Structure formats: structure tokens, C-alpha cells
Amino acid sequence: MTTRPIPRHHSDSKELSERKSFLRPLKYAFPPFVAILFLNVTSINQNVPVQVILAFCMLCVPWFGYLNWQQNRSHRIPIFAIVTAIYILYFALPLFWGSRTIPVYYAVELTASEDQITASLMLVLVGLLAIWAGLRIPLQSLKTRIIVNPNVPDKNGVISWNYVRLVLIVGIAISTNEAAPYWFGEAGRQIMLGLLNTFPLVAALLLFNRILEGEADKIDTVLVFAFLLSKGVLNLALGWVGPLVSLGIGFGLLYVAKKRSFPWLLLLAAIFYVLFFQSSKSGFRTAFWNADEISSPLSRVGFWIENSVQMWTEVSADSTGQLFNENLVGAADRLSLLTQTAYVLEQTPALVPFQNGSLYVNILTAPIPRFLWLDKPSTSDPNRFYQVAYRLTPPDRLNTVSISIGYLVEGYINFGWAGVAGVGFLIGLLLRVLQSHFLNSESHVFRFISGVMLLLTIINVEAQLGLLLPSLLVQSWLLVMFFLPLKLFTQVHE
């Protein structure tokens, strides 16, 4: 009796499948393991094993989300991976490279206990799990009629794209005037800021998307470059580093959606940019924020660049590496929410009672325009409560200092651990709406860019919920205003 030989191609296919099955766990676990090993070796702190394990879990979450996104073609952006990766910057990196000092305003220096540091990492993981649960909720399709097709009313979309270019040109021109936000007084400042921040960015993202698709005209490339240059100069002239990073995230999201790969060079450029300017940011603000002399934006930026070059020259000349460590710790501490969270866990409810939702009251009044209610409660009130109740800022300095703790920790301040889970689930649900209705594979460019703009608001993990939700509402109305002229023009020509 003879046995029938197994076909060679079948044997090779089975062997390849077994090899992939063997390598799959390594693909998921090896990169986070290498990252946590590097962080632990270079750490300035003596972290206990449970903290390292929790940090490893935090690193695994976005990596797993990114790998799953690569296999799921229905989602254009790895939303969960992006949101959870941002938490690594605010909690995991400071665990290894940040100090344990708590930034309170009175003379006694406080240090966060290791138990509270561990609890802070657990709080973040609970919040991320809740966000994941919210993202798993199924939703039906949503009709957004105000967002029109980019190729109407004419075949090639000439009128539509000329409108986009005009918006960007006007936005760049107006934003160069530092007094523009106050053209309509203090009551209209927020509206002007919204218009100046939203309209040009939407236009720039739309044109950048054309560049990625190879359909852009030369003027589109010039306008996008001019926009980025003007934003970079103006934000640095005001002493801000973060806004340009947010812009980079927006453009990076478009790149990820189009290329389905991560822009590692953009990430390295962002790290270099932040480290380069953060080192001398305090010196810049001391020189210009309270100065009586009026100086041009270019002179301020030049001052900042010169000081940063001088500081990093001194760092490179320091053979002991002490100055480099000090700059690294300073940068990590400016990003860190770790010690602040540990302090909240220690103080609540022992000294500061749970607020039982009182910090969310201003969400109800936020939609009312300030010019209709000049004395309405400020969306900054929860921040101010946090700063005063937890002794981070003296009451007489609240108009000059703003410190945020983020919506997850704010949830704990209100309702304890249940608040962390509840707020995380709500954020996940909001992300699910964006994923299903704006950022899916079938969304045309105008709808997709709208989703990116709303996502940029949600991923601000430092924001309190009382600021985040009204900001989403305002952003939505601004997007409606941006696309409304196109909608009206379409109806006229139908």
C-alpha cells in the first residue's frame, strides 16, 4: 500500500503559516519590551517592579492598537493608538525621566510617594480601558448634509478649491496682526480666536491632502508652506511651543491616513523641536512676557533661537552629562501629569472632598455666547478650583497662571474611580462617533478633514471636560460656517 505524497506547495504554505503564528507574539510584545528596557536603563528614578510592569502595559496598548489598525482597512486613522500614545508622553516617560516633585506654590517642597505614583499609573490604565470600551459601541450611519462634496458645483471643483485657497490666504494675512483677536473687543475675542485658528487650518489641511494625492497645484504647496511658517513664527513669538506640535499632529494624521504608515521622521523632528526650544522657554518668557518694550515677532523668535543654541552648546560641552540630564528632566516635568495625579489621589477625598459633578456645571452655560451674557461662568472655573483647592497657585495669580489636570483625573476629583471610568467611556464614545461617521474609509475629503479637526480637540488629554465638550461644540459650528458658503453655492446652481 502506497501513501499519496503531500503536494510541495501545500507543505510550504503550512510551514509559512506556522512560522507566522510563531512570530506573531514577538511582533506584538518585542517592540514594547525593547522600549521599556531602554527607558528603565536610562531612568533617573528607582522604579519599583510593579510600576515598570504598568508602564509596559501602557506601551503595549497603543502598539497593539496600531497593529490592529494596519489589518483593518475600514478605519483610516488608528484613533485608539494615537490617544493612548499621548498618555505615554504625560505619564510613562515622566515615570522614568521626570522628577517626583509636586508643583505646589508654598515653600515646602513635596515629593510624590511611590504608592501614589503606582496608583496614578493604574488610574490611567483604567481610563484607557474605559476609552476602549466606548470605542466598541456600534453606531449607525450619520448623514451630515452640511459637508458637501468637494467636486461640486463644477466638474473639477475649481470654485470649491479657490474658496479654500482664499480662506487660507486671508487667514494667513489676518493672523500676522497680533491685535486681530481683539478687533471686536474682549467679548468677541473667543470667536475671533476660533475663526483664526480653525478656518486657516481646515483650508491648509485640505490643500495638504491634495498634495498627498498628487493633485495639488503649485500654489497649494506654496500656501501650505506659508501657513506653517507663519504659524511657527507667530506661536514662538508669543512664547508657545505646543501649538506647532498640534499642527504637526494634524498634518501627520493626514499622512497616516493616506500612506497607512507612521511618519517617524515627523516624530523625530517634533522631539528635536520640543527639546531645542523647551530648554530656554522660561528665559524667553521672563524677557518678553512682562516687558514694557514692544518688539517684532521675528526679533523675539531670533532671541529664543539664539538662547537655545547657546544653552545646547553648553550642554554639548559638558562632559559629565549633568546639563543634558537637567534639560531632559525639565522637558519631562513640563509634560508630566504623573506627580500632579499622584497628589490628587493623596489629597482626595482625605483633604479635598469629591465634587460630585459640580465641576461640570459650566458645560450647561458654555454654549451661550459671552456677548449675550457678559458675566457667565468661565470654562476656566474648574481649572481655577483645582489650582486653588490643591494649592498649586495662589488665588491672586489665577489670571496669569493656568494649570490643567486632564479629564480623567478631573473625573476622579468628581466621582472617584467611577468618574475615571465614566469619563473615559464618554471620550471613547466621542471617538467612536468620529471613527464611524467622519474618519472611515468611505468619507470624502471634506468630511474627513472635519473629523481630523474634532479629533485634535479630543486628544488634548490635559483639558478638563468642562472645556473639552464646549470646545467640540464651538469647533463643530465653526466647521459648519466654513462649509456653509459651498453648500449655499451648490443649492443656487442645482
Protein backbone atom coordinates (compact mmCIF):
# COMPACT_ATOMS: atom_id res chain seq x y z
CA MET A 1 0.00 0.00 0.00
CA THR A 2 1.45 3.37 -1.04
CA THR A 3 0.81 6.73 0.58
CA ARG A 4 -0.05 9.71 -1.50
CA PRO A 5 2.67 12.39 -1.27
CA ILE A 6 1.67 15.78 0.08
CA PRO A 7 1.97 18.46 -2.60
CA ARG A 8 5.04 20.62 -2.12
CA HIS A 9 3.17 23.94 -2.31
CA HIS A 10 0.75 22.77 0.38
CA SER A 11 3.63 21.83 2.68
CA ASP A 12 5.36 25.17 2.12
CA SER A 13 2.14 27.09 2.80
CA LYS A 14 1.57 25.20 6.03
CA GLU A 15 5.16 25.80 7.14
CA LEU A 16 4.86 29.53 6.37
CA SER A 17 1.59 29.73 8.33
CA GLU A 18 3.18 28.03 11.33
CA ARG A 19 6.13 30.40 11.17
CA LYS A 20 3.82 33.43 11.13
CA SER A 21 1.88 32.02 14.09
CA PHE A 22 5.14 31.64 15.99
CA LEU A 23 6.35 35.16 15.17
CA ARG A 24 3.03 36.92 15.88
CA PRO A 25 3.54 37.13 19.69
CA LEU A 26 7.03 38.55 19.12
CA LYS A 27 5.61 41.16 16.75
CA TYR A 28 3.22 42.33 19.45
CA ALA A 29 5.46 42.11 22.52
CA PHE A 30 9.03 42.71 21.33
CA PRO A 31 8.90 46.47 20.44
CA PRO A 32 7.23 47.47 23.76
CA PHE A 33 9.71 45.24 25.61
CA VAL A 34 12.69 46.93 23.93
CA ALA A 35 11.20 50.36 24.66
CA ILE A 36 10.59 49.62 28.34
CA LEU A 37 14.07 48.13 28.66
CA PHE A 38 15.61 51.30 27.21
CA LEU A 39 13.53 53.55 29.48
CA ASN A 40 14.40 51.51 32.54
CA VAL A 41 18.13 51.52 31.77
CA THR A 42 18.19 55.29 31.19
CA SER A 43 15.84 56.12 34.07
CA ILE A 44 16.89 58.66 36.70
CA ASN A 45 14.46 57.10 39.18
CA GLN A 46 14.48 53.80 41.08
CA ASN A 47 11.10 52.49 39.99
CA VAL A 48 9.56 49.50 41.74
CA PRO A 49 8.77 46.47 39.53
CA VAL A 50 5.01 46.99 39.57
CA GLN A 51 5.48 50.50 38.12
CA VAL A 52 7.65 49.14 35.32
CA ILE A 53 5.02 46.48 34.57
CA LEU A 54 2.25 49.08 34.46
CA ALA A 55 4.35 51.28 32.17
CA PHE A 56 4.97 48.26 29.93
CA CYS A 57 1.22 47.73 29.72
CA MET A 58 0.79 51.38 28.74
CA LEU A 59 3.33 50.93 25.95
CA CYS A 60 1.60 47.77 24.72
CA VAL A 61 -1.82 49.42 24.39
CA PRO A 62 -1.02 51.87 21.53
CA TRP A 63 1.27 49.36 19.82
CA PHE A 64 -1.45 46.71 19.78
CA GLY A 65 -3.91 49.31 18.53
CA TYR A 66 -1.55 50.33 15.74
CA LEU A 67 -1.01 46.73 14.58
CA ASN A 68 -4.75 46.04 14.63
CA TRP A 69 -5.37 49.20 12.61
CA GLN A 70 -2.94 48.06 9.93
CA GLN A 71 -5.09 44.96 9.46
CA ASN A 72 -8.41 46.87 9.45
CA ARG A 73 -8.89 48.80 6.22
CA SER A 74 -12.23 50.32 7.26
CA HIS A 75 -10.53 52.80 9.64
CA ARG A 76 -8.33 55.48 8.09
CA ILE A 77 -6.70 56.58 11.33
CA PRO A 78 -5.56 54.49 14.35
CA ILE A 79 -7.57 56.62 16.78
CA PHE A 80 -7.12 54.44 19.86
CA ALA A 81 -3.37 54.09 19.28
CA ILE A 82 -2.97 57.87 18.94
CA VAL A 83 -4.91 58.74 22.10
CA THR A 84 -3.17 56.13 24.23
CA ALA A 85 0.27 57.09 22.87
CA ILE A 86 -0.27 60.64 24.10
CA TYR A 87 -0.81 59.29 27.62
CA ILE A 88 2.64 57.71 27.40
CA LEU A 89 4.13 61.20 26.98
CA TYR A 90 2.30 62.53 30.04
CA PHE A 91 2.69 59.54 32.37
CA ALA A 92 5.10 56.79 31.24
CA LEU A 93 8.04 58.96 30.17
CA PRO A 94 7.94 61.11 33.35
CA LEU A 95 7.96 57.87 35.38
CA PHE A 96 11.49 57.23 34.12
CA TRP A 97 12.87 60.65 33.22
CA GLY A 98 10.88 63.10 35.35
CA SER A 99 11.32 64.25 38.93
CA ARG A 100 8.95 63.31 41.74
CA THR A 101 8.42 66.92 42.83
CA ILE A 102 4.84 68.16 43.16
CA PRO A 103 4.44 71.75 41.87
CA VAL A 104 2.70 73.44 44.84
CA TYR A 105 3.15 77.14 45.46
CA TYR A 106 4.03 77.21 49.13
CA ALA A 107 7.62 76.98 50.35
CA VAL A 108 7.72 73.34 51.44
CA GLU A 109 8.78 71.05 48.58
CA LEU A 110 6.58 67.97 48.29
CA THR A 111 7.54 64.68 46.72
CA ALA A 112 5.03 62.19 45.38
CA SER A 113 5.06 58.84 47.18
CA GLU A 114 5.76 55.67 45.23
CA ASP A 115 2.37 54.23 46.23
CA GLN A 116 0.56 57.21 44.73
CA ILE A 117 2.75 57.07 41.61
CA THR A 118 1.69 53.44 41.19
CA ALA A 119 -1.96 54.37 41.74
CA SER A 120 -1.64 57.13 39.12
CA LEU A 121 -0.48 54.62 36.51
CA MET A 122 -3.39 52.34 37.43
CA LEU A 123 -5.79 55.28 37.05
CA VAL A 124 -4.55 55.88 33.50
CA LEU A 125 -4.91 52.20 32.59
CA VAL A 126 -8.48 52.18 33.94
CA GLY A 127 -9.22 55.28 31.85
CA LEU A 128 -7.70 53.75 28.71
CA LEU A 129 -9.70 50.57 29.21
CA ALA A 130 -12.87 52.68 29.50
CA ILE A 131 -11.97 54.60 26.33
CA TRP A 132 -11.51 51.27 24.52
CA ALA A 133 -14.94 50.12 25.77
CA GLY A 134 -16.55 53.32 24.45
CA LEU A 135 -14.90 52.79 21.08
CA ARG A 136 -16.51 49.34 20.83
CA ILE A 137 -20.07 50.69 20.85
CA PRO A 138 -21.74 50.12 17.44
CA LEU A 139 -23.27 53.19 15.82
CA GLN A 140 -25.49 53.69 12.80
CA SER A 141 -24.51 55.81 9.82
CA LEU A 142 -24.90 59.57 10.22
CA LYS A 143 -25.97 61.93 7.44
CA THR A 144 -24.06 65.20 7.56
CA ARG A 145 -25.69 67.28 4.87
CA ILE A 146 -23.80 70.49 5.52
CA ILE A 147 -20.49 68.93 4.45
CA VAL A 148 -20.64 68.99 0.69
CA ASN A 149 -18.77 67.02 -1.93
CA PRO A 150 -15.52 68.78 -2.88
CA ASN A 151 -16.17 68.41 -6.61
CA VAL A 152 -19.40 70.39 -6.77
CA PRO A 153 -20.74 72.58 -8.25
CA ASP A 154 -18.33 72.25 -11.18
CA LYS A 155 -16.74 69.09 -12.55
CA ASN A 156 -13.17 69.79 -11.44
CA GLY A 157 -14.02 71.53 -8.16
CA VAL A 158 -12.38 74.78 -9.33
CA ILE A 159 -14.75 77.05 -7.41
CA SER A 160 -14.58 74.88 -4.27
CA TRP A 161 -10.79 74.84 -4.16
CA ASN A 162 -10.44 78.52 -4.99
CA TYR A 163 -12.66 79.23 -1.99
CA VAL A 164 -10.35 77.07 0.18
CA ARG A 165 -7.28 78.92 -1.12
CA LEU A 166 -8.91 82.29 -0.47
CA VAL A 167 -9.75 81.34 3.12
CA LEU A 168 -6.14 80.31 3.73
CA ILE A 169 -4.70 83.49 2.20
CA VAL A 170 -6.99 85.73 4.26
CA GLY A 171 -6.29 83.68 7.39
CA ILE A 172 -2.52 83.99 6.99
CA ALA A 173 -2.80 87.73 6.35
CA ILE A 174 -5.01 88.44 9.37
CA SER A 175 -3.10 86.19 11.78
CA THR A 176 0.07 88.22 11.25
CA ASN A 177 -1.67 91.04 13.14
CA GLU A 178 -1.25 90.23 16.84
CA ALA A 179 -4.14 92.55 17.70
CA ALA A 180 -6.60 90.69 15.43
CA PRO A 181 -8.22 88.62 18.24
CA TYR A 182 -9.30 91.89 19.92
CA TRP A 183 -10.84 93.59 16.87
CA PHE A 184 -14.32 93.08 18.34
CA GLY A 185 -13.35 93.65 21.96
CA GLU A 186 -12.95 91.22 24.83
CA ALA A 187 -16.44 89.78 24.29
CA GLY A 188 -15.58 88.77 20.74
CA ARG A 189 -12.07 87.52 21.47
CA GLN A 190 -13.02 83.85 21.72
CA ILE A 191 -14.95 83.97 18.46
CA MET A 192 -12.06 85.63 16.66
CA LEU A 193 -9.57 83.14 18.08
CA GLY A 194 -11.79 80.30 16.92
CA LEU A 195 -12.05 81.74 13.43
CA LEU A 196 -8.33 82.48 13.17
CA ASN A 197 -7.34 79.04 14.45
CA THR A 198 -9.94 76.90 12.69
CA PHE A 199 -10.57 78.35 9.23
CA PRO A 200 -6.93 78.59 8.03
CA LEU A 201 -6.08 75.17 9.49
CA VAL A 202 -9.03 73.47 7.76
CA ALA A 203 -8.00 75.10 4.48
CA ALA A 204 -4.34 74.11 4.93
CA LEU A 205 -5.26 70.50 5.72
CA LEU A 206 -7.50 70.31 2.66
CA LEU A 207 -4.69 71.56 0.42
CA PHE A 208 -2.15 69.26 2.08
CA ASN A 209 -4.44 66.34 1.34
CA ARG A 210 -4.34 67.35 -2.33
CA ILE A 211 -0.53 67.36 -2.14
CA LEU A 212 -0.53 63.82 -0.76
CA GLU A 213 -2.86 62.69 -3.53
CA GLY A 214 -0.67 64.27 -6.23
CA GLU A 215 -3.46 66.59 -7.37
CA ALA A 216 -2.18 69.89 -5.95
CA ASP A 217 -1.25 72.94 -7.96
CA LYS A 218 1.98 74.78 -7.21
CA ILE A 219 0.04 77.50 -5.40
CA ASP A 220 -1.30 74.88 -2.97
CA THR A 221 2.19 73.83 -1.91
CA VAL A 222 3.26 77.46 -1.51
CA LEU A 223 0.22 78.29 0.61
CA VAL A 224 0.65 75.30 2.92
CA PHE A 225 4.32 76.15 3.44
CA ALA A 226 3.45 79.81 4.11
CA PHE A 227 0.81 78.75 6.61
CA LEU A 228 3.19 76.50 8.57
CA LEU A 229 5.93 79.14 8.52
CA SER A 230 3.62 81.91 9.73
CA LYS A 231 2.14 79.74 12.47
CA GLY A 232 5.58 78.67 13.62
CA VAL A 233 6.90 82.22 13.82
CA LEU A 234 3.80 83.69 15.47
CA ASN A 235 3.49 80.97 18.13
CA LEU A 236 7.18 81.11 19.01
CA ALA A 237 6.97 84.90 19.16
CA LEU A 238 4.23 84.50 21.79
CA GLY A 239 6.31 82.02 23.80
CA TRP A 240 4.36 78.88 22.87
CA VAL A 241 5.88 75.55 21.81
CA GLY A 242 2.82 73.28 21.91
CA PRO A 243 0.59 74.76 19.15
CA LEU A 244 3.05 73.89 16.39
CA VAL A 245 3.21 70.32 17.71
CA SER A 246 -0.59 70.17 17.47
CA LEU A 247 -0.36 71.34 13.87
CA GLY A 248 2.19 68.61 13.22
CA ILE A 249 -0.23 66.05 14.64
CA GLY A 250 -2.96 67.26 12.28
CA PHE A 251 -0.77 67.00 9.20
CA GLY A 252 0.65 63.71 10.45
CA LEU A 253 -2.85 62.25 10.72
CA LEU A 254 -3.44 63.00 7.05
CA TYR A 255 -0.14 61.34 6.16
CA VAL A 256 -1.06 58.24 8.18
CA ALA A 257 -4.48 58.04 6.52
CA LYS A 258 -3.03 58.32 3.04
CA LYS A 259 0.16 56.23 3.38
CA ARG A 260 -1.04 53.84 6.14
CA SER A 261 2.37 54.11 7.79
CA PHE A 262 3.73 56.12 10.69
CA PRO A 263 5.68 59.33 9.91
CA TRP A 264 8.73 58.55 12.03
CA LEU A 265 10.73 61.47 10.61
CA LEU A 266 7.98 63.87 11.65
CA LEU A 267 8.06 62.38 15.17
CA LEU A 268 11.85 62.83 15.40
CA ALA A 269 11.51 66.40 14.13
CA ALA A 270 8.87 67.12 16.79
CA ILE A 271 11.10 65.69 19.55
CA PHE A 272 14.05 67.80 18.37
CA TYR A 273 11.86 70.91 18.14
CA VAL A 274 10.44 70.49 21.65
CA LEU A 275 13.80 69.74 23.30
CA PHE A 276 15.51 72.59 21.45
CA PHE A 277 13.05 75.30 22.49
CA GLN A 278 11.86 73.99 25.87
CA SER A 279 15.32 74.38 27.36
CA SER A 280 15.21 78.18 27.17
CA LYS A 281 11.46 78.81 27.23
CA SER A 282 11.47 80.20 30.77
CA GLY A 283 14.22 82.68 29.84
CA PHE A 284 12.22 83.85 26.82
CA ARG A 285 9.06 84.37 28.86
CA THR A 286 10.95 86.24 31.55
CA ALA A 287 12.41 88.56 28.93
CA PHE A 288 9.26 89.32 26.95
CA TRP A 289 6.04 88.45 28.75
CA ASN A 290 6.34 91.27 31.29
CA ALA A 291 8.45 93.60 29.17
CA ASP A 292 7.34 97.18 28.53
CA GLU A 293 9.14 97.41 25.19
CA ILE A 294 7.29 96.38 22.02
CA SER A 295 9.37 94.09 19.82
CA SER A 296 8.69 92.44 16.49
CA PRO A 297 7.82 88.72 16.25
CA LEU A 298 10.99 88.00 14.25
CA SER A 299 13.23 89.63 16.87
CA ARG A 300 11.59 87.57 19.63
CA VAL A 301 11.99 84.34 17.70
CA GLY A 302 15.60 85.24 16.95
CA PHE A 303 16.23 85.83 20.66
CA TRP A 304 14.74 82.44 21.53
CA ILE A 305 16.77 80.60 18.88
CA GLU A 306 19.97 82.32 19.96
CA ASN A 307 19.39 81.42 23.62
CA SER A 308 18.55 77.82 22.76
CA VAL A 309 21.69 77.46 20.62
CA GLN A 310 23.78 78.88 23.45
CA MET A 311 22.22 76.54 26.01
CA TRP A 312 22.66 73.41 23.89
CA THR A 313 26.25 74.45 23.10
CA GLU A 314 26.90 74.45 26.83
CA VAL A 315 25.18 71.06 27.12
CA SER A 316 27.35 69.54 24.39
CA ALA A 317 30.49 70.91 26.08
CA ASP A 318 29.56 69.35 29.44
CA SER A 319 31.47 66.05 29.60
CA THR A 320 29.67 64.99 32.78
CA GLY A 321 26.26 64.89 31.08
CA GLN A 322 24.68 66.71 34.02
CA LEU A 323 23.33 69.60 31.94
CA PHE A 324 21.78 67.19 29.44
CA ASN A 325 20.05 65.32 32.25
CA GLU A 326 18.77 68.58 33.71
CA ASN A 327 17.30 69.62 30.36
CA LEU A 328 15.77 66.18 29.82
CA VAL A 329 14.20 66.19 33.29
CA GLY A 330 12.94 69.73 32.73
CA ALA A 331 11.26 68.75 29.46
CA ALA A 332 9.71 65.63 31.06
CA ASP A 333 8.44 67.65 34.03
CA ARG A 334 6.77 70.22 31.76
CA LEU A 335 4.86 67.42 30.04
CA SER A 336 4.20 65.40 33.17
CA LEU A 337 0.80 64.87 34.74
CA LEU A 338 2.15 62.00 36.81
CA THR A 339 3.07 63.78 40.04
CA GLN A 340 0.02 66.04 39.87
CA THR A 341 -2.20 62.97 39.56
CA ALA A 342 -0.40 61.33 42.48
CA TYR A 343 -1.00 64.48 44.53
CA VAL A 344 -4.72 64.48 43.66
CA LEU A 345 -5.02 60.83 44.72
CA GLU A 346 -3.31 61.64 48.01
CA GLN A 347 -5.45 64.70 48.76
CA THR A 348 -8.82 63.34 47.56
CA PRO A 349 -11.01 62.70 49.47
CA ALA A 350 -8.74 62.94 52.54
CA LEU A 351 -8.46 66.74 52.43
CA VAL A 352 -10.40 67.78 49.31
CA PRO A 353 -13.83 66.06 49.14
CA PHE A 354 -15.24 64.58 45.94
CA GLN A 355 -17.02 67.32 44.00
CA ASN A 356 -19.93 65.11 42.83
CA GLY A 357 -20.20 66.75 39.42
CA SER A 358 -20.03 70.40 40.49
CA LEU A 359 -17.07 70.97 38.16
CA TYR A 360 -19.27 70.09 35.18
CA VAL A 361 -21.95 72.75 35.75
CA ASN A 362 -20.33 75.21 33.35
CA ILE A 363 -20.88 72.74 30.48
CA LEU A 364 -24.55 73.81 30.51
CA THR A 365 -23.75 77.54 30.23
CA ALA A 366 -20.82 77.30 27.82
CA PRO A 367 -22.91 77.32 24.59
CA ILE A 368 -24.30 80.77 25.43
CA PRO A 369 -22.19 83.43 23.64
CA ARG A 370 -20.40 85.76 26.01
CA PHE A 371 -21.66 88.86 24.21
CA LEU A 372 -25.17 87.77 25.30
CA TRP A 373 -24.10 87.04 28.89
CA LEU A 374 -21.01 89.04 29.81
CA ASP A 375 -20.84 87.64 33.35
CA LYS A 376 -21.47 83.98 32.52
CA PRO A 377 -19.31 81.39 34.37
CA SER A 378 -15.96 80.81 32.74
CA THR A 379 -14.94 77.45 31.28
CA SER A 380 -11.72 78.02 33.23
CA ASP A 381 -13.51 77.80 36.60
CA PRO A 382 -12.79 74.05 37.06
CA ASN A 383 -9.11 74.75 36.39
CA ARG A 384 -9.12 77.56 38.93
CA PHE A 385 -10.82 75.40 41.52
CA TYR A 386 -8.19 72.72 41.01
CA GLN A 387 -5.32 75.20 41.26
CA VAL A 388 -6.59 76.80 44.49
CA ALA A 389 -8.08 73.76 46.28
CA TYR A 390 -4.91 71.74 45.72
CA ARG A 391 -2.63 74.71 46.46
CA LEU A 392 -0.91 74.79 43.08
CA THR A 393 -1.41 78.53 42.50
CA PRO A 394 -2.10 81.46 44.84
CA PRO A 395 -5.58 82.96 44.25
CA ASP A 396 -4.09 86.31 43.26
CA ARG A 397 -2.18 84.70 40.36
CA LEU A 398 -5.05 82.87 38.70
CA ASN A 399 -5.22 85.43 35.90
CA THR A 400 -1.61 84.76 34.91
CA VAL A 401 -1.18 81.03 35.63
CA SER A 402 -3.27 78.19 34.22
CA ILE A 403 -2.69 74.54 35.17
CA SER A 404 -4.78 71.68 33.84
CA ILE A 405 -5.05 68.14 35.17
CA GLY A 406 -6.93 66.44 32.33
CA TYR A 407 -10.40 64.95 32.01
CA LEU A 408 -9.57 61.53 33.52
CA VAL A 409 -8.18 62.95 36.77
CA GLU A 410 -10.98 65.52 36.85
CA GLY A 411 -13.36 62.55 36.73
CA TYR A 412 -11.67 61.20 39.85
CA ILE A 413 -11.95 64.59 41.60
CA ASN A 414 -15.71 64.49 40.96
CA PHE A 415 -16.70 60.84 41.48
CA GLY A 416 -13.59 58.84 42.39
CA TRP A 417 -12.69 55.76 40.37
CA ALA A 418 -16.20 55.58 38.93
CA GLY A 419 -15.64 59.06 37.48
CA VAL A 420 -12.43 57.90 35.75
CA ALA A 421 -14.27 55.01 34.10
CA GLY A 422 -17.30 57.14 33.21
CA VAL A 423 -15.34 59.98 31.65
CA GLY A 424 -13.09 57.52 29.80
CA PHE A 425 -16.14 55.75 28.38
CA LEU A 426 -17.61 59.09 27.25
CA ILE A 427 -14.36 60.02 25.50
CA GLY A 428 -14.34 56.60 23.83
CA LEU A 429 -17.91 57.14 22.66
CA LEU A 430 -16.99 60.52 21.15
CA LEU A 431 -14.05 58.92 19.39
CA ARG A 432 -16.37 56.20 18.12
CA VAL A 433 -18.63 58.84 16.55
CA LEU A 434 -15.63 60.32 14.75
CA GLN A 435 -14.39 56.90 13.68
CA SER A 436 -17.77 55.79 12.32
CA HIS A 437 -19.06 58.98 10.72
CA PHE A 438 -16.05 61.07 9.76
CA LEU A 439 -12.83 59.04 9.67
CA ASN A 440 -13.98 55.85 7.96
CA SER A 441 -12.73 54.65 4.59
CA GLU A 442 -15.82 55.96 2.76
CA SER A 443 -15.61 59.56 4.00
CA HIS A 444 -14.81 62.09 1.30
CA VAL A 445 -12.16 64.67 1.94
CA PHE A 446 -14.32 67.47 3.41
CA ARG A 447 -15.95 65.16 5.93
CA PHE A 448 -12.61 63.55 6.76
CA ILE A 449 -10.88 66.87 7.45
CA SER A 450 -13.77 67.84 9.73
CA GLY A 451 -13.19 64.63 11.67
CA VAL A 452 -9.47 65.41 11.98
CA MET A 453 -10.26 68.86 13.38
CA LEU A 454 -12.59 67.42 16.02
CA LEU A 455 -10.07 64.70 16.85
CA LEU A 456 -7.39 67.32 17.51
CA THR A 457 -9.69 68.78 20.16
CA ILE A 458 -10.39 65.43 21.86
CA ILE A 459 -6.77 64.25 22.06
CA ASN A 460 -5.87 67.22 24.25
CA VAL A 461 -5.63 64.99 27.32
CA GLU A 462 -4.75 67.95 29.56
CA ALA A 463 -8.15 69.57 29.05
CA GLN A 464 -10.94 69.44 31.59
CA LEU A 465 -14.26 68.00 30.42
CA GLY A 466 -15.96 71.35 31.05
CA LEU A 467 -13.64 72.88 28.43
CA LEU A 468 -13.43 69.90 26.07
CA LEU A 469 -17.15 69.46 25.37
CA PRO A 470 -17.88 73.17 24.73
CA SER A 471 -14.77 73.32 22.54
CA LEU A 472 -16.14 70.44 20.46
CA LEU A 473 -19.43 72.29 20.10
CA VAL A 474 -17.72 75.53 19.05
CA GLN A 475 -15.46 73.62 16.66
CA SER A 476 -18.49 71.96 15.08
CA TRP A 477 -20.20 75.32 14.50
CA LEU A 478 -17.01 76.75 13.02
CA LEU A 479 -16.79 73.82 10.62
CA VAL A 480 -20.41 74.44 9.61
CA MET A 481 -19.53 78.09 8.97
CA PHE A 482 -16.53 77.05 6.87
CA PHE A 483 -18.52 74.75 4.59
CA LEU A 484 -21.76 76.78 4.55
CA PRO A 485 -20.74 79.06 1.61
CA LEU A 486 -20.05 75.97 -0.50
CA LYS A 487 -23.38 74.47 0.49
CA LEU A 488 -25.29 77.63 -0.40
CA PHE A 489 -23.46 77.98 -3.70
CA THR A 490 -24.32 74.36 -4.53
CA GLN A 491 -28.01 74.94 -3.85
CA VAL A 492 -28.06 78.03 -6.06
CA HIS A 493 -26.62 76.09 -9.00
CA GLU A 494 -28.73 72.95 -8.62
